[in-house]
Amino acid sequence: MPEDTGVNNNMAKVDGSLSKFLAKPKHFKGDDDENPLRWLKRINRIRKGVPMGDLQCLTMAGSYLTGAAESWWEMVEDDVADWAQFERMFRARFAGKDKHHIWWHKIESRQQMAGETVDEVANDLKEYFELLEVVDDGIRIRHLLKALHESISYELEQRATLSTYEEVVREARKLEMVQSKYGRGATSSFGISSTVARNQVGSEISPSESASANVQSGSLSSQISALANEIQALKINMVDVRRSRGLRCWNCGAEGHKRDQCPKPIQAIDQGKDNGRH
């Protein structure tokens, strides 16, 4: 029918224009340092943006497989009937339990790098949690706090009300924005003074941030006070040593006591005078 032809033509035009804005997926080799689910999500994103049949999607996905992944596809391609079957077989081959120790190592060694955002770290860990089927929020939160910058993790650990992974990510994102706005490490560098300065410019300071500043400032003051006491004690000790060394007996010439405290008899003093000693 003419109406249907017009609708189909319009949909084809929309799909064609939308495809210009979709980024091409990276090639997947099947190496241990690659995330298979991330690659699969990119392919599915293209499928949603540009509707296509299973045969077209399989052809497109197969063209982005290289190395070991391409060899696998060449062996199973004739046995795959639709996209759902491809996903199941792909997950079984590249996201199986034999890869679990590799992904756990990546989680354990994950650290937020300079210039890397909270969302990048959280999403990266979340993908590995999905691969490992880790759903316990306690485990997920613990590894997230370990991976994030210490200045952010410290603040988050003070907030006992946070119980889900999404809540922790959301609060971490807020802290990241605050630290980016006022300079990371400002609280630990200037303690209470920086908190007062930030209040003066109208910034919202959370109770945990203020408490952290007070604790760090008090700790620094205690360290300075202890150091001053050690220096004062050292000065007193040096004075005592000088005084002790400067006290010399005129009777026997020994150090450490006066003439009237000399243990030697007075006769020794007279004999010394007779022999010309003074």
Protein backbone atom coordinates (compact mmCIF):
# COMPACT_ATOMS: atom_id res chain seq x y z
CA MET A 1 0.00 0.00 0.00
CA PRO A 2 1.23 3.53 -0.74
CA GLU A 3 0.83 4.66 2.88
CA ASP A 4 2.96 1.79 4.20
CA THR A 5 5.64 2.46 1.62
CA GLY A 6 5.85 6.07 2.72
CA VAL A 7 6.15 5.13 6.39
CA ASN A 8 8.86 2.58 5.66
CA ASN A 9 10.78 5.11 3.60
CA ASN A 10 10.60 7.66 6.42
CA MET A 11 11.82 5.08 8.96
CA ALA A 12 14.69 4.17 6.68
CA LYS A 13 15.67 7.83 6.42
CA VAL A 14 15.56 8.24 10.21
CA ASP A 15 17.61 5.09 10.76
CA GLY A 16 20.11 6.20 8.14
CA SER A 17 20.58 9.63 9.71
CA LEU A 18 20.84 8.16 13.23
CA SER A 19 23.57 5.73 12.21
CA LYS A 20 25.84 8.70 11.48
CA PHE A 21 25.94 9.54 15.19
CA LEU A 22 26.64 6.02 16.45
CA ALA A 23 30.26 5.25 17.26
CA LYS A 24 31.67 2.10 15.74
CA PRO A 25 32.47 -0.66 18.24
CA LYS A 26 36.07 -1.62 18.86
CA HIS A 27 37.36 -4.90 17.53
CA PHE A 28 37.18 -7.74 20.03
CA LYS A 29 40.11 -10.15 20.12
CA GLY A 30 39.14 -12.31 23.09
CA ASP A 31 42.23 -11.43 25.15
CA ASP A 32 42.23 -11.58 28.96
CA ASP A 33 42.60 -7.80 29.29
CA GLU A 34 39.33 -7.18 27.39
CA ASN A 35 35.84 -6.95 28.87
CA PRO A 36 33.52 -9.12 26.73
CA LEU A 37 30.31 -7.69 28.22
CA ARG A 38 31.39 -4.15 27.43
CA TRP A 39 31.89 -5.07 23.77
CA LEU A 40 28.55 -6.90 23.71
CA LYS A 41 26.76 -3.85 25.15
CA ARG A 42 28.19 -1.67 22.40
CA ILE A 43 26.87 -4.05 19.74
CA ASN A 44 23.43 -4.09 21.38
CA ARG A 45 23.46 -0.30 21.56
CA ILE A 46 23.88 -0.20 17.80
CA ARG A 47 21.06 -2.74 17.38
CA LYS A 48 18.73 -0.46 19.35
CA GLY A 49 19.77 2.66 17.48
CA VAL A 50 19.57 1.10 14.04
CA PRO A 51 16.97 -1.71 13.98
CA MET A 52 18.19 -4.64 11.94
CA GLY A 53 17.44 -8.31 11.51
CA ASP A 54 19.38 -11.09 13.22
CA LEU A 55 21.28 -11.96 10.06
CA GLN A 56 22.44 -8.39 9.57
CA CYS A 57 23.41 -8.09 13.23
CA LEU A 58 25.39 -11.33 13.16
CA THR A 59 27.21 -10.18 10.03
CA MET A 60 28.00 -6.82 11.62
CA ALA A 61 29.20 -8.34 14.92
CA GLY A 62 31.30 -10.97 13.16
CA SER A 63 33.12 -8.27 11.20
CA TYR A 64 34.41 -6.80 14.50
CA LEU A 65 35.86 -10.07 15.80
CA THR A 66 39.60 -10.60 15.35
CA GLY A 67 42.30 -12.92 16.64
CA ALA A 68 41.08 -15.76 18.85
CA ALA A 69 37.53 -14.39 18.77
CA GLU A 70 37.45 -14.49 14.98
CA SER A 71 38.74 -18.07 14.98
CA TRP A 72 35.97 -19.05 17.40
CA TRP A 73 33.33 -17.38 15.23
CA GLU A 74 34.51 -19.17 12.12
CA MET A 75 33.99 -22.50 13.89
CA VAL A 76 30.48 -21.81 15.22
CA GLU A 77 29.04 -19.37 12.68
CA ASP A 78 27.07 -22.01 10.75
CA ASP A 79 25.47 -23.29 13.96
CA VAL A 80 24.18 -19.89 15.15
CA ALA A 81 20.57 -19.29 14.12
CA ASP A 82 19.77 -15.94 15.77
CA TRP A 83 21.21 -13.13 17.88
CA ALA A 84 20.02 -14.57 21.20
CA GLN A 85 21.95 -17.75 20.51
CA PHE A 86 25.03 -15.74 19.58
CA GLU A 87 24.90 -13.91 22.92
CA ARG A 88 24.60 -17.16 24.88
CA MET A 89 27.50 -18.79 23.05
CA PHE A 90 29.61 -15.64 23.21
CA ARG A 91 29.14 -15.35 26.98
CA ALA A 92 29.91 -19.04 27.49
CA ARG A 93 33.14 -18.74 25.50
CA PHE A 94 34.52 -15.38 26.64
CA ALA A 95 32.74 -14.76 29.96
CA GLY A 96 32.93 -18.23 31.49
CA LYS A 97 34.04 -19.23 34.98
CA ASP A 98 37.54 -20.01 33.74
CA LYS A 99 38.05 -16.22 33.53
CA HIS A 100 36.90 -15.49 37.08
CA HIS A 101 40.37 -15.35 38.65
CA ILE A 102 41.44 -12.78 36.03
CA TRP A 103 38.49 -10.50 36.74
CA TRP A 104 38.89 -10.77 40.51
CA HIS A 105 42.49 -9.69 40.11
CA LYS A 106 41.35 -6.68 38.08
CA ILE A 107 38.89 -5.73 40.82
CA GLU A 108 41.46 -6.12 43.60
CA SER A 109 44.10 -4.07 41.77
CA ARG A 110 41.74 -1.33 40.55
CA GLN A 111 42.80 2.17 41.62
CA GLN A 112 41.41 5.55 40.60
CA MET A 113 44.01 7.28 38.46
CA ALA A 114 44.70 11.01 38.14
CA GLY A 115 42.07 12.60 35.93
CA GLU A 116 39.76 9.60 36.22
CA THR A 117 36.23 10.22 37.49
CA VAL A 118 34.22 8.34 40.09
CA ASP A 119 31.77 7.21 37.41
CA GLU A 120 34.54 5.66 35.32
CA VAL A 121 35.81 3.61 38.25
CA ALA A 122 32.32 2.65 39.46
CA ASN A 123 31.14 1.56 36.00
CA ASP A 124 34.32 -0.40 35.37
CA LEU A 125 33.91 -2.30 38.64
CA LYS A 126 30.20 -2.79 38.02
CA GLU A 127 30.90 -4.53 34.72
CA TYR A 128 33.28 -6.96 36.41
CA PHE A 129 30.74 -7.56 39.19
CA GLU A 130 28.23 -8.49 36.49
CA LEU A 131 30.73 -10.86 34.90
CA LEU A 132 31.30 -12.51 38.28
CA GLU A 133 27.61 -12.33 39.23
CA VAL A 134 28.43 -10.45 42.44
CA VAL A 135 25.17 -8.96 43.76
CA ASP A 136 26.09 -8.42 47.43
CA ASP A 137 26.25 -4.64 47.98
CA GLY A 138 28.60 -5.03 50.94
CA ILE A 139 31.25 -6.68 48.77
CA ARG A 140 30.72 -4.23 45.92
CA ILE A 141 30.92 -1.18 48.20
CA ARG A 142 34.08 -2.45 49.92
CA HIS A 143 35.92 -2.82 46.62
CA LEU A 144 34.66 0.55 45.38
CA LEU A 145 35.94 2.36 48.49
CA LYS A 146 39.27 0.60 48.10
CA ALA A 147 39.55 1.74 44.48
CA LEU A 148 38.56 5.40 44.94
CA HIS A 149 40.87 8.20 46.07
CA GLU A 150 41.48 8.10 49.83
CA SER A 151 40.08 11.61 50.32
CA ILE A 152 36.72 10.43 48.96
CA SER A 153 36.69 6.99 50.59
CA TYR A 154 37.40 8.46 54.04
CA GLU A 155 34.34 10.72 53.85
CA LEU A 156 32.11 7.94 52.56
CA GLU A 157 33.09 5.54 55.35
CA GLN A 158 31.79 8.05 57.93
CA ARG A 159 28.30 7.84 56.44
CA ALA A 160 26.74 4.72 57.92
CA THR A 161 23.39 5.39 56.22
CA LEU A 162 24.76 4.43 52.80
CA SER A 163 23.73 0.83 52.15
CA THR A 164 23.59 0.31 48.38
CA TYR A 165 26.22 0.52 45.66
CA GLU A 166 24.22 3.16 43.78
CA GLU A 167 23.93 5.36 46.89
CA VAL A 168 27.68 5.23 47.49
CA VAL A 169 28.40 6.10 43.85
CA ARG A 170 25.97 9.02 44.02
CA GLU A 171 27.55 10.44 47.20
CA ALA A 172 31.07 9.85 45.85
CA ARG A 173 30.13 11.85 42.77
CA LYS A 174 28.98 14.77 44.97
CA LEU A 175 32.22 14.69 46.97
CA GLU A 176 34.21 14.65 43.76
CA MET A 177 32.41 17.78 42.56
CA VAL A 178 33.06 19.58 45.86
CA GLN A 179 36.75 18.66 45.85
CA SER A 180 37.07 19.68 42.22
CA LYS A 181 35.46 23.05 42.98
CA TYR A 182 37.57 23.92 46.03
CA GLY A 183 40.74 22.01 45.30
CA ARG A 184 41.38 18.45 46.39
CA GLY A 185 43.11 18.07 49.73
CA ALA A 186 42.20 21.60 50.88
CA THR A 187 40.59 20.29 54.06
CA SER A 188 43.59 18.21 55.11
CA SER A 189 46.06 20.99 54.24
CA PHE A 190 44.41 23.85 56.08
CA GLY A 191 42.14 22.14 58.59
CA ILE A 192 39.64 24.40 60.31
CA SER A 193 40.81 27.53 58.53
CA SER A 194 39.84 26.16 55.13
CA THR A 195 36.43 25.12 56.48
CA VAL A 196 35.80 28.65 57.75
CA ALA A 197 36.92 30.10 54.43
CA ARG A 198 34.59 27.83 52.50
CA ASN A 199 31.66 28.74 54.76
CA GLN A 200 32.37 32.41 54.11
CA VAL A 201 31.92 31.97 50.36
CA GLY A 202 28.61 30.21 50.89
CA SER A 203 29.55 26.60 50.21
CA GLU A 204 27.55 23.80 51.75
CA ILE A 205 29.80 21.82 54.08
CA SER A 206 28.53 18.46 55.27
CA PRO A 207 28.91 17.56 58.98
CA SER A 208 31.32 14.77 58.10
CA GLU A 209 33.55 17.18 56.15
CA SER A 210 33.63 19.60 59.08
CA ALA A 211 34.37 16.80 61.56
CA SER A 212 37.14 15.52 59.34
CA ALA A 213 38.72 18.97 59.23
CA ASN A 214 38.58 19.31 63.03
CA VAL A 215 40.08 15.87 63.62
CA GLN A 216 42.92 16.45 61.17
CA SER A 217 43.62 19.91 62.58
CA GLY A 218 43.66 18.58 66.15
CA SER A 219 46.01 15.78 65.18
CA LEU A 220 48.40 18.25 63.55
CA SER A 221 48.34 20.51 66.63
CA SER A 222 49.11 17.55 68.89
CA GLN A 223 52.07 16.56 66.74
CA ILE A 224 53.46 20.11 66.79
CA SER A 225 52.99 20.34 70.57
CA ALA A 226 54.76 17.02 71.14
CA LEU A 227 57.64 18.10 68.92
CA ALA A 228 58.00 21.37 70.84
CA ASN A 229 58.13 19.48 74.16
CA GLU A 230 60.85 17.18 72.85
CA ILE A 231 62.94 20.14 71.70
CA GLN A 232 62.53 21.88 75.08
CA ALA A 233 63.55 18.72 76.94
CA LEU A 234 66.62 18.40 74.72
CA LYS A 235 67.63 21.99 75.47
CA ILE A 236 67.32 21.43 79.24
CA ASN A 237 69.38 18.26 79.02
CA MET A 238 72.13 20.06 77.09
CA VAL A 239 72.25 22.82 79.71
CA ASP A 240 72.55 20.25 82.51
CA VAL A 241 75.40 18.52 80.70
CA ARG A 242 77.29 21.80 80.21
CA ARG A 243 76.84 22.71 83.87
CA SER A 244 78.05 19.29 84.99
CA ARG A 245 81.12 19.47 82.80
CA GLY A 246 81.94 23.02 83.91
CA LEU A 247 82.13 22.14 87.65
CA ARG A 248 85.76 21.30 88.61
CA CYS A 249 87.27 20.71 92.07
CA TRP A 250 90.21 23.01 92.96
CA ASN A 251 91.44 20.42 95.44
CA CYS A 252 91.90 17.31 93.26
CA GLY A 253 91.19 18.70 89.78
CA ALA A 254 88.34 16.24 89.15
CA GLU A 255 85.03 17.26 87.56
CA GLY A 256 81.59 16.95 89.09
CA HIS A 257 82.05 18.43 92.60
CA LYS A 258 83.27 21.50 94.44
CA ARG A 259 86.38 21.84 96.63
CA ASP A 260 84.43 21.69 99.90
CA GLN A 261 82.79 18.46 98.66
CA CYS A 262 86.09 16.82 97.71
CA PRO A 263 86.47 13.32 99.20
CA LYS A 264 90.26 13.65 99.43
CA PRO A 265 91.75 14.81 102.74
CA ILE A 266 92.76 18.41 103.21
CA GLN A 267 96.41 17.28 103.68
CA ALA A 268 96.57 16.51 99.97
CA ILE A 269 95.74 20.12 99.30
CA ASP A 270 98.56 21.34 101.62
CA GLN A 271 101.06 18.94 100.08
CA GLY A 272 100.10 20.16 96.66
CA LYS A 273 100.83 23.70 97.73
CA ASP A 274 104.22 22.68 99.15
CA ASN A 275 105.11 21.11 95.80
CA GLY A 276 104.29 24.29 93.97
CA ARG A 277 100.75 23.36 92.95
CA HIS A 278 98.16 26.07 93.00
